[in-house]
Amino acid sequence: VPNIKDAQDLSMKELARALNRLTLTAREGKTPPADQQGG
């Protein structure tokens, strides 16, 4: 369960890019621990 930090500040396009990066990295099993903290 990685999370997008400060998602409330992102535009629609920025949020779309963040979702792409998050899901791709997670499915590869390469999500760093920092991205899974603070949700």
PDB file of all heavy atoms in Angstrom:
ATOM      1  N   VAL A   1       0.848  -1.196   0.000  1.00  0.00           N
ATOM      2  CA  VAL A   1       0.000   0.000   0.000  1.00  0.00           C
ATOM      3  C   VAL A   1       0.881   1.243   0.000  1.00  0.00           C
ATOM      4  O   VAL A   1       1.015   1.927   1.015  1.00  0.00           O
ATOM      5  CB  VAL A   1      -0.966   0.016   1.201  1.00  0.00           C
ATOM      6  CG1 VAL A   1      -1.997   1.140   1.031  1.00  0.00           C
ATOM      7  CG2 VAL A   1      -1.684  -1.321   1.354  1.00  0.00           C
ATOM      8  N   PRO A   2       1.511   1.536  -1.138  1.00  0.00           N
ATOM      9  CA  PRO A   2       2.263   2.793  -1.227  1.00  0.00           C
ATOM     10  C   PRO A   2       1.303   3.974  -1.288  1.00  0.00           C
ATOM     11  O   PRO A   2       0.117   3.807  -1.618  1.00  0.00           O
ATOM     12  CB  PRO A   2       3.035   2.640  -2.539  1.00  0.00           C
ATOM     13  CG  PRO A   2       2.201   1.703  -3.346  1.00  0.00           C
ATOM     14  CD  PRO A   2       1.555   0.756  -2.370  1.00  0.00           C
ATOM     15  N   ASN A   3       1.788   5.153  -0.958  1.00  0.00           N
ATOM     16  CA  ASN A   3       0.899   6.308  -0.979  1.00  0.00           C
ATOM     17  C   ASN A   3       1.524   7.487  -1.711  1.00  0.00           C
ATOM     18  O   ASN A   3       2.747   7.617  -1.790  1.00  0.00           O
ATOM     19  CB  ASN A   3       0.475   6.705   0.437  1.00  0.00           C
ATOM     20  CG  ASN A   3       1.643   7.110   1.320  1.00  0.00           C
ATOM     21  OD1 ASN A   3       2.158   8.222   1.240  1.00  0.00           O
ATOM     22  ND2 ASN A   3       2.076   6.184   2.177  1.00  0.00           N
ATOM     23  N   ILE A   4       0.650   8.323  -2.260  1.00  0.00           N
ATOM     24  CA  ILE A   4       1.057   9.526  -2.977  1.00  0.00           C
ATOM     25  C   ILE A   4       1.044  10.675  -1.982  1.00  0.00           C
ATOM     26  O   ILE A   4      -0.012  11.054  -1.465  1.00  0.00           O
ATOM     27  CB  ILE A   4       0.103   9.816  -4.147  1.00  0.00           C
ATOM     28  CG1 ILE A   4       0.108   8.636  -5.131  1.00  0.00           C
ATOM     29  CG2 ILE A   4       0.466  11.115  -4.848  1.00  0.00           C
ATOM     30  CD1 ILE A   4      -0.959   8.740  -6.198  1.00  0.00           C
ATOM     31  N   LYS A   5       2.211  11.214  -1.709  1.00  0.00           N
ATOM     32  CA  LYS A   5       2.325  12.270  -0.712  1.00  0.00           C
ATOM     33  C   LYS A   5       1.676  13.561  -1.209  1.00  0.00           C
ATOM     34  O   LYS A   5       1.830  13.957  -2.365  1.00  0.00           O
ATOM     35  CB  LYS A   5       3.795  12.524  -0.382  1.00  0.00           C
ATOM     36  CG  LYS A   5       4.547  11.301   0.179  1.00  0.00           C
ATOM     37  CD  LYS A   5       4.013  10.878   1.539  1.00  0.00           C
ATOM     38  CE  LYS A   5       4.901   9.858   2.235  1.00  0.00           C
ATOM     39  NZ  LYS A   5       4.942   8.549   1.584  1.00  0.00           N
ATOM     40  N   ASP A   6       0.937  14.233  -0.303  1.00  0.00           N
ATOM     41  CA  ASP A   6       0.292  15.522  -0.591  1.00  0.00           C
ATOM     42  C   ASP A   6      -0.493  15.478  -1.899  1.00  0.00           C
ATOM     43  O   ASP A   6      -0.377  16.366  -2.757  1.00  0.00           O
ATOM     44  CB  ASP A   6       1.328  16.647  -0.624  1.00  0.00           C
ATOM     45  CG  ASP A   6       1.876  16.950   0.773  1.00  0.00           C
ATOM     46  OD1 ASP A   6       1.067  17.076   1.707  1.00  0.00           O
ATOM     47  OD2 ASP A   6       3.099  17.073   0.918  1.00  0.00           O
ATOM     48  N   ALA A   7      -1.310  14.441  -2.029  1.00  0.00           N
ATOM     49  CA  ALA A   7      -2.081  14.266  -3.264  1.00  0.00           C
ATOM     50  C   ALA A   7      -3.067  15.407  -3.487  1.00  0.00           C
ATOM     51  O   ALA A   7      -3.477  15.664  -4.623  1.00  0.00           O
ATOM     52  CB  ALA A   7      -2.835  12.928  -3.217  1.00  0.00           C
ATOM     53  N   GLN A   8      -3.440  16.101  -2.428  1.00  0.00           N
ATOM     54  CA  GLN A   8      -4.406  17.202  -2.562  1.00  0.00           C
ATOM     55  C   GLN A   8      -3.840  18.372  -3.366  1.00  0.00           C
ATOM     56  O   GLN A   8      -4.592  19.215  -3.864  1.00  0.00           O
ATOM     57  CB  GLN A   8      -4.854  17.708  -1.180  1.00  0.00           C
ATOM     58  CG  GLN A   8      -3.876  18.619  -0.465  1.00  0.00           C
ATOM     59  CD  GLN A   8      -2.689  17.887   0.156  1.00  0.00           C
ATOM     60  OE1 GLN A   8      -2.679  16.666   0.194  1.00  0.00           O
ATOM     61  NE2 GLN A   8      -1.717  18.623   0.637  1.00  0.00           N
ATOM     62  N   ASP A   9      -2.517  18.432  -3.517  1.00  0.00           N
ATOM     63  CA  ASP A   9      -1.883  19.541  -4.241  1.00  0.00           C
ATOM     64  C   ASP A   9      -1.668  19.244  -5.724  1.00  0.00           C
ATOM     65  O   ASP A   9      -1.172  20.104  -6.455  1.00  0.00           O
ATOM     66  CB  ASP A   9      -0.531  19.889  -3.603  1.00  0.00           C
ATOM     67  CG  ASP A   9      -0.672  20.441  -2.187  1.00  0.00           C
ATOM     68  OD1 ASP A   9      -1.745  21.013  -1.890  1.00  0.00           O
ATOM     69  OD2 ASP A   9       0.271  20.300  -1.402  1.00  0.00           O
ATOM     70  N   LEU A  10      -2.013  18.062  -6.165  1.00  0.00           N
ATOM     71  CA  LEU A  10      -1.720  17.649  -7.534  1.00  0.00           C
ATOM     72  C   LEU A  10      -2.876  17.963  -8.476  1.00  0.00           C
ATOM     73  O   LEU A  10      -4.045  17.820  -8.115  1.00  0.00           O
ATOM     74  CB  LEU A  10      -1.413  16.150  -7.589  1.00  0.00           C
ATOM     75  CG  LEU A  10      -0.254  15.657  -6.724  1.00  0.00           C
ATOM     76  CD1 LEU A  10      -0.061  14.161  -6.919  1.00  0.00           C
ATOM     77  CD2 LEU A  10       1.037  16.405  -7.034  1.00  0.00           C
ATOM     78  N   SER A  11      -2.528  18.348  -9.693  1.00  0.00           N
ATOM     79  CA  SER A  11      -3.536  18.517 -10.735  1.00  0.00           C
ATOM     80  C   SER A  11      -3.973  17.139 -11.224  1.00  0.00           C
ATOM     81  O   SER A  11      -3.389  16.113 -10.840  1.00  0.00           O
ATOM     82  CB  SER A  11      -2.959  19.311 -11.903  1.00  0.00           C
ATOM     83  OG  SER A  11      -1.926  18.567 -12.552  1.00  0.00           O
ATOM     84  N   MET A  12      -4.986  17.113 -12.081  1.00  0.00           N
ATOM     85  CA  MET A  12      -5.460  15.839 -12.620  1.00  0.00           C
ATOM     86  C   MET A  12      -4.331  15.108 -13.339  1.00  0.00           C
ATOM     87  O   MET A  12      -4.126  13.903 -13.136  1.00  0.00           O
ATOM     88  CB  MET A  12      -6.627  16.070 -13.578  1.00  0.00           C
ATOM     89  CG  MET A  12      -7.220  14.801 -14.154  1.00  0.00           C
ATOM     90  SD  MET A  12      -8.358  13.977 -13.042  1.00  0.00           S
ATOM     91  CE  MET A  12      -9.864  14.890 -13.418  1.00  0.00           C
ATOM     92  N   LYS A  13      -3.579  15.820 -14.163  1.00  0.00           N
ATOM     93  CA  LYS A  13      -2.504  15.179 -14.916  1.00  0.00           C
ATOM     94  C   LYS A  13      -1.386  14.726 -13.985  1.00  0.00           C
ATOM     95  O   LYS A  13      -0.827  13.627 -14.150  1.00  0.00           O
ATOM     96  CB  LYS A  13      -1.947  16.147 -15.966  1.00  0.00           C
ATOM     97  CG  LYS A  13      -0.919  15.487 -16.885  1.00  0.00           C
ATOM     98  CD  LYS A  13      -0.238  16.490 -17.805  1.00  0.00           C
ATOM     99  CE  LYS A  13      -1.237  17.108 -18.761  1.00  0.00           C
ATOM    100  NZ  LYS A  13      -0.558  17.994 -19.741  1.00  0.00           N
ATOM    101  N   GLU A  14      -1.029  15.552 -13.004  1.00  0.00           N
ATOM    102  CA  GLU A  14       0.020  15.172 -12.054  1.00  0.00           C
ATOM    103  C   GLU A  14      -0.397  13.947 -11.236  1.00  0.00           C
ATOM    104  O   GLU A  14       0.427  13.064 -10.971  1.00  0.00           O
ATOM    105  CB  GLU A  14       0.331  16.346 -11.128  1.00  0.00           C
ATOM    106  CG  GLU A  14       1.027  17.506 -11.811  1.00  0.00           C
ATOM    107  CD  GLU A  14       1.084  18.746 -10.933  1.00  0.00           C
ATOM    108  OE1 GLU A  14       0.250  18.881 -10.003  1.00  0.00           O
ATOM    109  OE2 GLU A  14       1.952  19.606 -11.187  1.00  0.00           O
ATOM    110  N   LEU A  15      -1.668  13.900 -10.859  1.00  0.00           N
ATOM    111  CA  LEU A  15      -2.154  12.746 -10.107  1.00  0.00           C
ATOM    112  C   LEU A  15      -2.122  11.489 -10.975  1.00  0.00           C
ATOM    113  O   LEU A  15      -1.759  10.402 -10.503  1.00  0.00           O
ATOM    114  CB  LEU A  15      -3.570  13.010  -9.611  1.00  0.00           C
ATOM    115  CG  LEU A  15      -4.209  11.922  -8.741  1.00  0.00           C
ATOM    116  CD1 LEU A  15      -3.387  11.681  -7.480  1.00  0.00           C
ATOM    117  CD2 LEU A  15      -5.639  12.293  -8.373  1.00  0.00           C
ATOM    118  N   ALA A  16      -2.461  11.627 -12.255  1.00  0.00           N
ATOM    119  CA  ALA A  16      -2.422  10.485 -13.173  1.00  0.00           C
ATOM    120  C   ALA A  16      -0.994   9.949 -13.303  1.00  0.00           C
ATOM    121  O   ALA A  16      -0.769   8.736 -13.278  1.00  0.00           O
ATOM    122  CB  ALA A  16      -2.961  10.889 -14.538  1.00  0.00           C
ATOM    123  N   ARG A  17      -0.025  10.848 -13.436  1.00  0.00           N
ATOM    124  CA  ARG A  17       1.374  10.409 -13.524  1.00  0.00           C
ATOM    125  C   ARG A  17       1.819   9.730 -12.230  1.00  0.00           C
ATOM    126  O   ARG A  17       2.516   8.712 -12.257  1.00  0.00           O
ATOM    127  CB  ARG A  17       2.276  11.607 -13.818  1.00  0.00           C
ATOM    128  CG  ARG A  17       2.136  12.172 -15.223  1.00  0.00           C
ATOM    129  CD  ARG A  17       3.222  13.208 -15.497  1.00  0.00           C
ATOM    130  NE  ARG A  17       3.053  13.843 -16.778  1.00  0.00           N
ATOM    131  CZ  ARG A  17       3.439  13.327 -17.939  1.00  0.00           C
ATOM    132  NH1 ARG A  17       4.030  12.136 -17.951  1.00  0.00           N
ATOM    133  NH2 ARG A  17       3.255  13.979 -19.062  1.00  0.00           N
ATOM    134  N   ALA A  18       1.406  10.302 -11.095  1.00  0.00           N
ATOM    135  CA  ALA A  18       1.785   9.717  -9.808  1.00  0.00           C
ATOM    136  C   ALA A  18       1.204   8.316  -9.652  1.00  0.00           C
ATOM    137  O   ALA A  18       1.875   7.401  -9.148  1.00  0.00           O
ATOM    138  CB  ALA A  18       1.321  10.622  -8.669  1.00  0.00           C
ATOM    139  N   LEU A  19      -0.046   8.125 -10.078  1.00  0.00           N
ATOM    140  CA  LEU A  19      -0.658   6.799 -10.014  1.00  0.00           C
ATOM    141  C   LEU A  19       0.081   5.809 -10.903  1.00  0.00           C
ATOM    142  O   LEU A  19       0.287   4.649 -10.535  1.00  0.00           O
ATOM    143  CB  LEU A  19      -2.128   6.873 -10.423  1.00  0.00           C
ATOM    144  CG  LEU A  19      -3.098   7.473  -9.409  1.00  0.00           C
ATOM    145  CD1 LEU A  19      -4.458   7.709 -10.058  1.00  0.00           C
ATOM    146  CD2 LEU A  19      -3.254   6.554  -8.204  1.00  0.00           C
ATOM    147  N   ASN A  20       0.477   6.245 -12.092  1.00  0.00           N
ATOM    148  CA  ASN A  20       1.229   5.385 -13.009  1.00  0.00           C
ATOM    149  C   ASN A  20       2.535   4.925 -12.378  1.00  0.00           C
ATOM    150  O   ASN A  20       2.878   3.736 -12.383  1.00  0.00           O
ATOM    151  CB  ASN A  20       1.523   6.123 -14.308  1.00  0.00           C
ATOM    152  CG  ASN A  20       0.330   6.187 -15.253  1.00  0.00           C
ATOM    153  OD1 ASN A  20       0.441   6.599 -16.393  1.00  0.00           O
ATOM    154  ND2 ASN A  20      -0.839   5.820 -14.771  1.00  0.00           N
ATOM    155  N   ARG A  21       3.276   5.885 -11.822  1.00  0.00           N
ATOM    156  CA  ARG A  21       4.565   5.539 -11.200  1.00  0.00           C
ATOM    157  C   ARG A  21       4.364   4.621  -9.999  1.00  0.00           C
ATOM    158  O   ARG A  21       5.102   3.644  -9.824  1.00  0.00           O
ATOM    159  CB  ARG A  21       5.298   6.814 -10.758  1.00  0.00           C
ATOM    160  CG  ARG A  21       5.855   7.651 -11.895  1.00  0.00           C
ATOM    161  CD  ARG A  21       6.806   8.713 -11.369  1.00  0.00           C
ATOM    162  NE  ARG A  21       6.141   9.631 -10.448  1.00  0.00           N
ATOM    163  CZ  ARG A  21       5.576  10.770 -10.821  1.00  0.00           C
ATOM    164  NH1 ARG A  21       5.591  11.122 -12.099  1.00  0.00           N
ATOM    165  NH2 ARG A  21       5.014  11.561  -9.936  1.00  0.00           N
ATOM    166  N   LEU A  22       3.378   4.928  -9.188  1.00  0.00           N
ATOM    167  CA  LEU A  22       3.137   4.152  -7.970  1.00  0.00           C
ATOM    168  C   LEU A  22       2.789   2.699  -8.289  1.00  0.00           C
ATOM    169  O   LEU A  22       3.378   1.769  -7.728  1.00  0.00           O
ATOM    170  CB  LEU A  22       2.018   4.823  -7.174  1.00  0.00           C
ATOM    171  CG  LEU A  22       1.545   4.176  -5.880  1.00  0.00           C
ATOM    172  CD1 LEU A  22       1.106   5.247  -4.894  1.00  0.00           C
ATOM    173  CD2 LEU A  22       0.386   3.220  -6.128  1.00  0.00           C
ATOM    174  N   THR A  23       1.834   2.498  -9.197  1.00  0.00           N
ATOM    175  CA  THR A  23       1.395   1.130  -9.493  1.00  0.00           C
ATOM    176  C   THR A  23       2.476   0.329 -10.206  1.00  0.00           C
ATOM    177  O   THR A  23       2.667  -0.859  -9.931  1.00  0.00           O
ATOM    178  CB  THR A  23       0.115   1.146 -10.339  1.00  0.00           C
ATOM    179  OG1 THR A  23       0.315   1.963 -11.504  1.00  0.00           O
ATOM    180  CG2 THR A  23      -1.044   1.721  -9.547  1.00  0.00           C
ATOM    181  N   LEU A  24       3.208   0.968 -11.108  1.00  0.00           N
ATOM    182  CA  LEU A  24       4.258   0.256 -11.831  1.00  0.00           C
ATOM    183  C   LEU A  24       5.356  -0.189 -10.880  1.00  0.00           C
ATOM    184  O   LEU A  24       5.794  -1.352 -10.894  1.00  0.00           O
ATOM    185  CB  LEU A  24       4.840   1.155 -12.930  1.00  0.00           C
ATOM    186  CG  LEU A  24       5.998   0.566 -13.739  1.00  0.00           C
ATOM    187  CD1 LEU A  24       5.550  -0.686 -14.474  1.00  0.00           C
ATOM    188  CD2 LEU A  24       6.544   1.583 -14.728  1.00  0.00           C
ATOM    189  N   THR A  25       5.803   0.726 -10.013  1.00  0.00           N
ATOM    190  CA  THR A  25       6.867   0.401  -9.069  1.00  0.00           C
ATOM    191  C   THR A  25       6.417  -0.666  -8.080  1.00  0.00           C
ATOM    192  O   THR A  25       7.173  -1.569  -7.742  1.00  0.00           O
ATOM    193  CB  THR A  25       7.303   1.669  -8.310  1.00  0.00           C
ATOM    194  OG1 THR A  25       7.677   2.678  -9.248  1.00  0.00           O
ATOM    195  CG2 THR A  25       8.491   1.376  -7.406  1.00  0.00           C
ATOM    196  N   ALA A  26       5.166  -0.577  -7.629  1.00  0.00           N
ATOM    197  CA  ALA A  26       4.659  -1.551  -6.659  1.00  0.00           C
ATOM    198  C   ALA A  26       4.587  -2.941  -7.263  1.00  0.00           C
ATOM    199  O   ALA A  26       4.967  -3.932  -6.637  1.00  0.00           O
ATOM    200  CB  ALA A  26       3.284  -1.115  -6.153  1.00  0.00           C
ATOM    201  N   ARG A  27       4.092  -3.050  -8.501  1.00  0.00           N
ATOM    202  CA  ARG A  27       3.949  -4.370  -9.123  1.00  0.00           C
ATOM    203  C   ARG A  27       5.300  -4.995  -9.425  1.00  0.00           C
ATOM    204  O   ARG A  27       5.418  -6.215  -9.519  1.00  0.00           O
ATOM    205  CB  ARG A  27       3.123  -4.244 -10.400  1.00  0.00           C
ATOM    206  CG  ARG A  27       1.637  -4.029 -10.113  1.00  0.00           C
ATOM    207  CD  ARG A  27       0.861  -3.659 -11.347  1.00  0.00           C
ATOM    208  NE  ARG A  27      -0.551  -3.469 -11.039  1.00  0.00           N
ATOM    209  CZ  ARG A  27      -1.422  -2.940 -11.871  1.00  0.00           C
ATOM    210  NH1 ARG A  27      -1.032  -2.544 -13.077  1.00  0.00           N
ATOM    211  NH2 ARG A  27      -2.672  -2.792 -11.515  1.00  0.00           N
ATOM    212  N   GLU A  28       6.322  -4.163  -9.571  1.00  0.00           N
ATOM    213  CA  GLU A  28       7.677  -4.687  -9.752  1.00  0.00           C
ATOM    214  C   GLU A  28       8.305  -5.080  -8.418  1.00  0.00           C
ATOM    215  O   GLU A  28       9.379  -5.667  -8.381  1.00  0.00           O
ATOM    216  CB  GLU A  28       8.557  -3.645 -10.441  1.00  0.00           C
ATOM    217  CG  GLU A  28       8.211  -3.408 -11.901  1.00  0.00           C
ATOM    218  CD  GLU A  28       9.123  -2.382 -12.544  1.00  0.00           C
ATOM    219  OE1 GLU A  28       9.810  -1.661 -11.807  1.00  0.00           O
ATOM    220  OE2 GLU A  28       9.163  -2.331 -13.777  1.00  0.00           O
ATOM    221  N   GLY A  29       7.622  -4.741  -7.315  1.00  0.00           N
ATOM    222  CA  GLY A  29       8.166  -5.042  -5.999  1.00  0.00           C
ATOM    223  C   GLY A  29       9.310  -4.143  -5.611  1.00  0.00           C
ATOM    224  O   GLY A  29      10.139  -4.504  -4.771  1.00  0.00           O
ATOM    225  N   LYS A  30       9.383  -2.948  -6.194  1.00  0.00           N
ATOM    226  CA  LYS A  30      10.507  -2.048  -5.959  1.00  0.00           C
ATOM    227  C   LYS A  30      10.117  -0.800  -5.170  1.00  0.00           C
ATOM    228  O   LYS A  30      10.847   0.179  -5.165  1.00  0.00           O
ATOM    229  CB  LYS A  30      11.111  -1.615  -7.302  1.00  0.00           C
ATOM    230  CG  LYS A  30      11.549  -2.766  -8.202  1.00  0.00           C
ATOM    231  CD  LYS A  30      12.616  -3.619  -7.544  1.00  0.00           C
ATOM    232  CE  LYS A  30      13.115  -4.701  -8.504  1.00  0.00           C
ATOM    233  NZ  LYS A  30      14.129  -5.571  -7.870  1.00  0.00           N
ATOM    234  N   THR A  31       8.962  -0.820  -4.513  1.00  0.00           N
ATOM    235  CA  THR A  31       8.528   0.347  -3.754  1.00  0.00           C
ATOM    236  C   THR A  31       9.427   0.547  -2.538  1.00  0.00           C
ATOM    237  O   THR A  31       9.541  -0.350  -1.697  1.00  0.00           O
ATOM    238  CB  THR A  31       7.071   0.178  -3.283  1.00  0.00           C
ATOM    239  OG1 THR A  31       6.242  -0.052  -4.418  1.00  0.00           O
ATOM    240  CG2 THR A  31       6.599   1.419  -2.552  1.00  0.00           C
ATOM    241  N   PRO A  32      10.068   1.714  -2.387  1.00  0.00           N
ATOM    242  CA  PRO A  32      10.912   1.949  -1.212  1.00  0.00           C
ATOM    243  C   PRO A  32      10.062   2.082   0.038  1.00  0.00           C
ATOM    244  O   PRO A  32       8.894   2.485  -0.028  1.00  0.00           O
ATOM    245  CB  PRO A  32      11.631   3.265  -1.545  1.00  0.00           C
ATOM    246  CG  PRO A  32      10.782   3.931  -2.568  1.00  0.00           C
ATOM    247  CD  PRO A  32      10.127   2.832  -3.348  1.00  0.00           C
ATOM    248  N   PRO A  33      10.606   1.743   1.209  1.00  0.00           N
ATOM    249  CA  PRO A  33       9.826   1.800   2.453  1.00  0.00           C
ATOM    250  C   PRO A  33       9.207   3.166   2.715  1.00  0.00           C
ATOM    251  O   PRO A  33       8.095   3.249   3.238  1.00  0.00           O
ATOM    252  CB  PRO A  33      10.868   1.439   3.525  1.00  0.00           C
ATOM    253  CG  PRO A  33      11.854   0.593   2.805  1.00  0.00           C
ATOM    254  CD  PRO A  33      11.945   1.163   1.417  1.00  0.00           C
ATOM    255  N   ALA A  34       9.889   4.241   2.360  1.00  0.00           N
ATOM    256  CA  ALA A  34       9.363   5.582   2.637  1.00  0.00           C
ATOM    257  C   ALA A  34       8.033   5.824   1.943  1.00  0.00           C
ATOM    258  O   ALA A  34       7.186   6.565   2.457  1.00  0.00           O
ATOM    259  CB  ALA A  34      10.382   6.639   2.203  1.00  0.00           C
ATOM    260  N   ASP A  35       7.827   5.202   0.781  1.00  0.00           N
ATOM    261  CA  ASP A  35       6.580   5.393   0.038  1.00  0.00           C
ATOM    262  C   ASP A  35       5.415   4.635   0.652  1.00  0.00           C
ATOM    263  O   ASP A  35       4.266   4.807   0.237  1.00  0.00           O
ATOM    264  CB  ASP A  35       6.756   4.953  -1.420  1.00  0.00           C
ATOM    265  CG  ASP A  35       7.554   5.952  -2.232  1.00  0.00           C
ATOM    266  OD1 ASP A  35       7.937   7.004  -1.667  1.00  0.00           O
ATOM    267  OD2 ASP A  35       7.807   5.696  -3.419  1.00  0.00           O
ATOM    268  N   GLN A  36       5.694   3.763   1.621  1.00  0.00           N
ATOM    269  CA  GLN A  36       4.640   2.989   2.254  1.00  0.00           C
ATOM    270  C   GLN A  36       4.354   3.460   3.675  1.00  0.00           C
ATOM    271  O   GLN A  36       3.621   2.820   4.414  1.00  0.00           O
ATOM    272  CB  GLN A  36       5.014   1.502   2.260  1.00  0.00           C
ATOM    273  CG  GLN A  36       5.218   0.950   0.859  1.00  0.00           C
ATOM    274  CD  GLN A  36       5.669  -0.490   0.882  1.00  0.00           C
ATOM    275  OE1 GLN A  36       4.918  -1.372   1.280  1.00  0.00           O
ATOM    276  NE2 GLN A  36       6.891  -0.755   0.470  1.00  0.00           N
ATOM    277  N   GLN A  37       4.930   4.585   4.042  1.00  0.00           N
ATOM    278  CA  GLN A  37       4.744   5.126   5.380  1.00  0.00           C
ATOM    279  C   GLN A  37       3.998   6.449   5.304  1.00  0.00           C
ATOM    280  O   GLN A  37       4.114   7.182   4.331  1.00  0.00           O
ATOM    281  CB  GLN A  37       6.104   5.334   6.058  1.00  0.00           C
ATOM    282  CG  GLN A  37       6.884   4.043   6.251  1.00  0.00           C
ATOM    283  CD  GLN A  37       8.337   4.280   6.604  1.00  0.00           C
ATOM    284  OE1 GLN A  37       8.805   5.403   6.596  1.00  0.00           O
ATOM    285  NE2 GLN A  37       9.052   3.203   6.907  1.00  0.00           N
ATOM    286  N   GLY A  38       3.244   6.749   6.352  1.00  0.00           N
ATOM    287  CA  GLY A  38       2.596   8.049   6.449  1.00  0.00           C
ATOM    288  C   GLY A  38       1.307   8.196   5.686  1.00  0.00           C
ATOM    289  O   GLY A  38       0.847   9.322   5.472  1.00  0.00           O
ATOM    290  N   GLY A  39       0.672   7.095   5.255  1.00  0.00           N
ATOM    291  CA  GLY A  39      -0.590   7.200   4.538  1.00  0.00           C
ATOM    292  C   GLY A  39      -1.699   7.725   5.442  1.00  0.00           C
ATOM    293  O   GLY A  39      -1.671   7.527   6.661  1.00  0.00           O
TER     294      GLY A  39
END
